[in-house]
Each structure stands twice: as structure tokens, then as C-alpha cells.
Amino acid sequence: MTITAPTTNGRVIALAHYSARALLEGVLTRHGVTFEQSVTLRAVTVAGGSIERDALVTDVIGSLKSDASVVHGVIDELAAAKLLEQDPAQASRLRLTDAGRELYETTTAETAEISARLYAGIPAEDLAVAGRVLTLLTERANAELAGA
């Protein structure tokens, strides 16, 4: 497959992001979860299924670039939906419920199928270059945000 593409810039990156996110949000909507809730569930899952509330808030703020109050609200929504709960062994920690774990696994599996279709046929070398460039752009943008 030969692709003639413009130079990578913010618009090109944004178009790819929003197109893929629209597909993700379609999956999430079918399961009654928002993008922000999904990002929060992912952070808890990556942490092993249990995480300090403050660490979770920090992680999600870093991912979504949102305010702490917004993240606390998302956590409260997930708790009200019985997808997250206070860890009985340590009150400062939150953990996935069985329903939260199942929801995360289901939406992840469905989005993995979409991702496989989107990335199909793209050479590994191209994906590696794109990964390096996007990581560098993220680092630079985060540094700018930290200096603001």
C-alpha cells in the first residue's frame, strides 16, 4: 500500500486521534461508559486492580489534562455504578469490582479488534517511527504545560 500523506502536524495527529476516538467511544457508549471513565478504569487495571486514590487522580489528570475536581467526579461516578470500590484492606485505596474488571476487559477486547483493523498492513518500522515521534511530541507538550 502506497500512502501519500502530508507532513505530520497537529491537524494530522488530531484527525487520526479523533477518528480513532470516535470508534472507541462507539464501543464505550454501547456499554454505558464514558471515555473519562474508561481511562480511569484503565489506570486502576494497569496498577494491578487497586491504587491509592491520590495516585489515581494524578494518573488520570496526566492522561486527560483535566482538573482534579473532574477526575474526582469520574471516580465517584464509577463508585456509584459499582465499578470501583474502596479497598476494605486499606481505606485510601480504590479497587476494581468484578463488574469493573469485566467491563474493562470487554471494552478492551472490542477495541483491540478495531485497532487490529486500523493498524493492519502498516509496517512495524513505520509504527516504531510514529511511536517515537508521538512520544517526543507528548513529552514536549507536557513540558510546556508544566511551565505554564
Protein backbone atom coordinates (compact mmCIF):
# COMPACT_ATOMS: atom_id res chain seq x y z
CA MET A 1 0.00 0.00 0.00
CA THR A 2 1.41 3.37 -1.01
CA ILE A 3 0.27 6.31 1.02
CA THR A 4 0.87 9.90 0.05
CA ALA A 5 0.42 11.92 3.20
CA PRO A 6 1.03 15.44 4.33
CA THR A 7 3.83 16.24 6.71
CA THR A 8 2.91 15.29 10.24
CA ASN A 9 1.47 18.26 12.09
CA GLY A 10 -1.08 18.95 14.78
CA ARG A 11 -4.03 18.69 12.42
CA VAL A 12 -2.96 15.33 11.01
CA ILE A 13 -2.41 13.98 14.51
CA ALA A 14 -5.73 15.39 15.72
CA LEU A 15 -7.65 13.89 12.78
CA ALA A 16 -6.17 10.45 13.48
CA HIS A 17 -6.87 10.81 17.21
CA TYR A 18 -10.46 11.93 16.84
CA SER A 19 -11.28 9.34 14.18
CA ALA A 20 -9.96 6.52 16.36
CA ARG A 21 -11.56 8.01 19.47
CA ALA A 22 -14.95 8.13 17.74
CA LEU A 23 -14.66 4.39 17.14
CA LEU A 24 -13.64 3.84 20.78
CA GLU A 25 -16.48 5.97 22.05
CA GLY A 26 -18.91 3.91 19.99
CA VAL A 27 -17.79 0.83 21.91
CA LEU A 28 -17.89 2.64 25.24
CA THR A 29 -21.36 4.08 24.61
CA ARG A 30 -22.74 0.60 23.91
CA HIS A 31 -21.50 -0.40 27.35
CA GLY A 32 -22.72 2.73 29.15
CA VAL A 33 -19.28 4.13 29.99
CA THR A 34 -17.63 7.43 29.09
CA PHE A 35 -14.15 7.96 27.72
CA GLU A 36 -13.05 9.52 31.02
CA GLN A 37 -14.42 6.55 32.95
CA SER A 38 -12.60 4.16 30.63
CA VAL A 39 -9.30 5.98 31.14
CA THR A 40 -9.83 5.79 34.90
CA LEU A 41 -10.64 2.07 34.83
CA ARG A 42 -7.53 1.50 32.72
CA ALA A 43 -5.34 3.29 35.27
CA VAL A 44 -6.66 1.08 38.06
CA THR A 45 -6.19 -2.04 35.93
CA VAL A 46 -2.62 -1.12 34.99
CA ALA A 47 -1.90 -0.55 38.69
CA GLY A 48 -2.88 -4.16 39.37
CA GLY A 49 -6.55 -3.61 40.19
CA SER A 50 -6.00 -1.45 43.28
CA ILE A 51 -4.46 2.01 43.64
CA GLU A 52 -4.23 4.88 46.10
CA ARG A 53 -6.96 7.40 45.31
CA ASP A 54 -4.46 10.30 45.11
CA ALA A 55 -2.23 8.31 42.74
CA LEU A 56 -5.25 7.52 40.57
CA VAL A 57 -6.26 11.17 40.42
CA THR A 58 -2.70 12.16 39.47
CA ASP A 59 -2.51 9.46 36.79
CA VAL A 60 -5.83 10.41 35.19
CA ILE A 61 -5.03 14.14 35.31
CA GLY A 62 -1.79 13.33 33.49
CA SER A 63 -3.63 11.35 30.84
CA LEU A 64 -6.61 13.63 30.29
CA LYS A 65 -5.13 17.01 31.22
CA SER A 66 -8.23 17.71 33.27
CA ASP A 67 -8.86 19.24 36.69
CA ALA A 68 -8.72 17.19 39.87
CA SER A 69 -12.37 18.01 40.56
CA VAL A 70 -13.36 16.43 37.24
CA VAL A 71 -11.37 13.28 37.99
CA HIS A 72 -12.84 13.00 41.49
CA GLY A 73 -16.27 13.26 39.86
CA VAL A 74 -15.44 10.44 37.44
CA ILE A 75 -14.23 8.29 40.34
CA ASP A 76 -17.48 9.00 42.18
CA GLU A 77 -19.45 8.00 39.06
CA LEU A 78 -17.56 4.72 38.83
CA ALA A 79 -18.14 4.04 42.52
CA ALA A 80 -21.86 4.81 42.19
CA ALA A 81 -22.02 2.40 39.23
CA LYS A 82 -20.27 -0.23 41.40
CA LEU A 83 -17.32 -0.46 39.03
CA LEU A 84 -14.83 0.84 41.63
CA GLU A 85 -14.95 0.50 45.39
CA GLN A 86 -12.94 1.39 48.45
CA ASP A 87 -10.43 -1.34 49.22
CA PRO A 88 -11.52 -2.84 52.56
CA ALA A 89 -7.91 -3.67 53.41
CA GLN A 90 -6.80 -0.05 53.02
CA ALA A 91 -9.33 2.80 53.00
CA SER A 92 -7.12 5.15 50.97
CA ARG A 93 -7.11 2.71 48.04
CA LEU A 94 -9.68 2.08 45.35
CA ARG A 95 -10.07 -1.24 43.62
CA LEU A 96 -11.95 -2.63 40.66
CA THR A 97 -15.08 -4.57 41.39
CA ASP A 98 -15.75 -7.74 39.44
CA ALA A 99 -18.16 -5.72 37.28
CA GLY A 100 -15.50 -3.05 36.70
CA ARG A 101 -12.92 -5.64 35.69
CA GLU A 102 -15.39 -7.37 33.37
CA LEU A 103 -16.41 -4.08 31.74
CA TYR A 104 -12.79 -3.08 31.21
CA GLU A 105 -11.89 -6.48 29.73
CA THR A 106 -14.93 -6.44 27.42
CA THR A 107 -14.34 -2.93 26.07
CA THR A 108 -10.62 -3.60 25.71
CA ALA A 109 -11.26 -6.75 23.69
CA GLU A 110 -13.72 -4.95 21.42
CA THR A 111 -11.39 -2.02 20.84
CA ALA A 112 -8.45 -4.37 20.23
CA GLU A 113 -10.37 -5.78 17.24
CA ILE A 114 -10.86 -2.27 15.88
CA SER A 115 -7.21 -1.39 16.47
CA ALA A 116 -6.10 -4.52 14.65
CA ARG A 117 -8.08 -3.43 11.60
CA LEU A 118 -6.75 0.14 11.78
CA TYR A 119 -3.10 -0.89 12.11
CA ALA A 120 -3.28 -3.81 9.65
CA GLY A 121 -0.69 -3.62 6.93
CA ILE A 122 1.32 -0.78 8.43
CA PRO A 123 4.97 -1.83 8.53
CA ALA A 124 6.46 -2.27 12.00
CA GLU A 125 9.20 0.24 11.13
CA ASP A 126 6.61 2.90 10.35
CA LEU A 127 4.78 2.23 13.59
CA ALA A 128 8.06 2.48 15.51
CA VAL A 129 8.87 5.85 13.93
CA ALA A 130 5.35 7.13 14.60
CA GLY A 131 5.61 5.94 18.20
CA ARG A 132 8.90 7.75 18.73
CA VAL A 133 7.63 10.98 17.16
CA LEU A 134 4.35 10.97 19.10
CA THR A 135 6.15 10.18 22.37
CA LEU A 136 8.53 13.09 21.80
CA LEU A 137 5.64 15.43 20.98
CA THR A 138 3.83 14.31 24.15
CA GLU A 139 6.93 14.90 26.27
CA ARG A 140 7.42 18.37 24.80
CA ALA A 141 3.76 19.32 25.23
CA ASN A 142 3.81 18.08 28.84
CA ALA A 143 6.92 20.17 29.49
CA GLU A 144 5.17 23.22 28.03
CA LEU A 145 2.13 22.56 30.23
CA ALA A 146 4.34 22.18 33.30
CA GLY A 147 5.97 25.54 32.54
CA ALA A 148 2.65 27.31 32.02
